[in-house]
C-alpha atoms as a PDB file:
ATOM      1  CA  MET A   1     155.031   3.764  36.738  1.00  0.00           C
ATOM      2  CA  SER A   2     152.635   5.676  39.478  1.00  0.00           C
ATOM      3  CA  TYR A   3     154.167   7.824  42.622  1.00  0.00           C
ATOM      4  CA  THR A   4     152.403   8.255  45.937  1.00  0.00           C
ATOM      5  CA  LEU A   5     152.264  11.322  47.686  1.00  0.00           C
ATOM      6  CA  TYR A   6     154.444  10.204  50.513  1.00  0.00           C
ATOM      7  CA  ASP A   7     157.094   9.151  47.451  1.00  0.00           C
ATOM      8  CA  LEU A   8     156.855  13.444  46.211  1.00  0.00           C
ATOM      9  CA  LEU A   9     156.531  14.989  49.388  1.00  0.00           C
ATOM     10  CA  HIS A  10     159.671  12.608  50.274  1.00  0.00           C
ATOM     11  CA  VAL A  11     161.489  14.288  47.330  1.00  0.00           C
ATOM     12  CA  LEU A  12     160.379  17.904  47.743  1.00  0.00           C
ATOM     13  CA  GLY A  13     161.348  17.331  51.048  1.00  0.00           C
ATOM     14  CA  LYS A  14     164.552  17.159  50.135  1.00  0.00           C
ATOM     15  CA  LYS A  15     167.950  20.048  50.360  1.00  0.00           C
ATOM     16  CA  ARG A  16     167.196  22.465  47.138  1.00  0.00           C
ATOM     17  CA  SER A  17     164.663  20.610  45.042  1.00  0.00           C
ATOM     18  CA  LEU A  18     162.155  23.723  45.536  1.00  0.00           C
ATOM     19  CA  GLU A  19     164.826  25.915  45.190  1.00  0.00           C
ATOM     20  CA  PHE A  20     165.482  24.011  41.879  1.00  0.00           C
ATOM     21  CA  LEU A  21     161.888  24.243  40.376  1.00  0.00           C
ATOM     22  CA  ASP A  22     161.594  27.626  41.146  1.00  0.00           C
ATOM     23  CA  SER A  23     164.573  28.353  39.258  1.00  0.00           C
ATOM     24  CA  ILE A  24     163.211  26.709  35.934  1.00  0.00           C
ATOM     25  CA  LYS A  25     159.458  27.985  36.531  1.00  0.00           C
ATOM     26  CA  LYS A  26     159.918  30.703  34.442  1.00  0.00           C
ATOM     27  CA  SER A  27     162.362  29.139  31.825  1.00  0.00           C
ATOM     28  CA  PRO A  28     164.046  26.065  31.023  1.00  0.00           C
ATOM     29  CA  LYS A  29     167.987  25.805  32.102  1.00  0.00           C
ATOM     30  CA  SER A  30     171.430  23.886  31.636  1.00  0.00           C
ATOM     31  CA  TYR A  31     172.874  21.530  34.197  1.00  0.00           C
ATOM     32  CA  THR A  32     175.678  24.403  33.994  1.00  0.00           C
ATOM     33  CA  GLN A  33     173.106  27.075  34.776  1.00  0.00           C
ATOM     34  CA  LEU A  34     171.261  25.129  36.888  1.00  0.00           C
ATOM     35  CA  GLN A  35     174.451  24.603  39.027  1.00  0.00           C
ATOM     36  CA  LYS A  36     175.996  28.232  38.408  1.00  0.00           C
ATOM     37  CA  ASN A  37     172.480  29.793  39.694  1.00  0.00           C
ATOM     38  CA  LEU A  38     172.086  27.326  42.342  1.00  0.00           C
ATOM     39  CA  ASN A  39     175.637  27.602  43.624  1.00  0.00           C
ATOM     40  CA  ILE A  40     175.663  24.009  44.491  1.00  0.00           C
ATOM     41  CA  ASN A  41     178.057  20.965  43.520  1.00  0.00           C
ATOM     42  CA  SER A  42     177.475  18.367  40.874  1.00  0.00           C
ATOM     43  CA  LYS A  43     176.326  15.691  43.426  1.00  0.00           C
ATOM     44  CA  LEU A  44     174.198  17.150  44.566  1.00  0.00           C
ATOM     45  CA  ILE A  45     172.514  18.846  41.494  1.00  0.00           C
ATOM     46  CA  SER A  46     172.818  15.072  39.747  1.00  0.00           C
ATOM     47  CA  SER A  47     170.863  13.159  42.628  1.00  0.00           C
ATOM     48  CA  THR A  48     168.122  16.016  42.426  1.00  0.00           C
ATOM     49  CA  ILE A  49     167.990  16.126  38.749  1.00  0.00           C
ATOM     50  CA  LYS A  50     167.288  12.244  38.561  1.00  0.00           C
ATOM     51  CA  GLU A  51     165.311  12.361  41.609  1.00  0.00           C
ATOM     52  CA  LEU A  52     162.514  15.242  39.870  1.00  0.00           C
ATOM     53  CA  THR A  53     162.433  13.661  36.537  1.00  0.00           C
ATOM     54  CA  ILE A  54     161.619   9.743  38.096  1.00  0.00           C
ATOM     55  CA  ILE A  55     158.416  11.582  39.972  1.00  0.00           C
ATOM     56  CA  GLY A  56     157.947  13.260  36.672  1.00  0.00           C
ATOM     57  CA  VAL A  57     157.645  16.634  37.532  1.00  0.00           C
ATOM     58  CA  ILE A  58     161.040  17.653  35.403  1.00  0.00           C
ATOM     59  CA  VAL A  59     162.104  16.765  31.889  1.00  0.00           C
ATOM     60  CA  LYS A  60     164.839  17.250  29.997  1.00  0.00           C
ATOM     61  CA  ASN A  61     164.774  19.034  26.697  1.00  0.00           C
ATOM     62  CA  LYS A  62     167.383  19.157  24.400  1.00  0.00           C
ATOM     63  CA  ASP A  63     170.122  19.997  26.793  1.00  0.00           C
ATOM     64  CA  GLN A  64     168.468  22.046  29.131  1.00  0.00           C
ATOM     65  CA  TYR A  65     165.180  21.251  32.648  1.00  0.00           C
ATOM     66  CA  GLU A  66     162.022  22.017  32.372  1.00  0.00           C
ATOM     67  CA  LEU A  67     159.048  21.497  34.461  1.00  0.00           C
ATOM     68  CA  THR A  68     156.453  19.426  33.104  1.00  0.00           C
ATOM     69  CA  LYS A  69     152.624  20.017  33.436  1.00  0.00           C
ATOM     70  CA  ILE A  70     152.261  18.019  36.691  1.00  0.00           C
ATOM     71  CA  GLY A  71     155.777  20.477  37.851  1.00  0.00           C
ATOM     72  CA  LYS A  72     153.857  23.765  36.667  1.00  0.00           C
ATOM     73  CA  LYS A  73     150.561  22.217  38.629  1.00  0.00           C
ATOM     74  CA  LEU A  74     152.734  21.047  41.696  1.00  0.00           C
ATOM     75  CA  LEU A  75     154.491  24.439  42.269  1.00  0.00           C
ATOM     76  CA  LYS A  76     150.961  26.564  41.691  1.00  0.00           C
ATOM     77  CA  LYS A  77     149.446  23.964  44.084  1.00  0.00           C
ATOM     78  CA  ILE A  78     152.736  24.328  47.103  1.00  0.00           C
ATOM     79  CA  LYS A  79     152.285  28.445  46.701  1.00  0.00           C
ATOM     80  CA  PRO A  80     150.253  29.193  49.471  1.00  0.00           C
ATOM     81  CA  LEU A  81     151.453  26.283  51.271  1.00  0.00           C
ATOM     82  CA  ARG A  82     154.991  27.815  51.407  1.00  0.00           C
ATOM     83  CA  LYS A  83     153.397  31.405  52.000  1.00  0.00           C
ATOM     84  CA  GLU A  84     151.576  29.850  55.478  1.00  0.00           C
ATOM     85  CA  PHE A  85     154.996  28.148  56.419  1.00  0.00           C
ATOM     86  CA  GLU A  86     158.036  30.425  55.608  1.00  0.00           C
ATOM     87  CA  VAL A  87     160.320  30.964  58.267  1.00  0.00           C
ATOM     88  CA  LYS A  88     160.448  34.671  59.126  1.00  0.00           C
END
């Protein structure tokens, strides 16, 4: 199944999505580690995982979540945008 840019931006624009991706950028994390590191409730973390998995940005490998190749590429591409539009 393919997704549009709109779908991708819609998911990334949701609360904590980019923070979630940043937290697994360097190494995979378990559900418990993500919940502890991000300090968010289980409902929000579950919905974030579901949406990011559906659009192909993350994958569950064993009991840990990690970026897919698309997810890694995405973070590199949005890095300049984040710097440009960062709230100071």
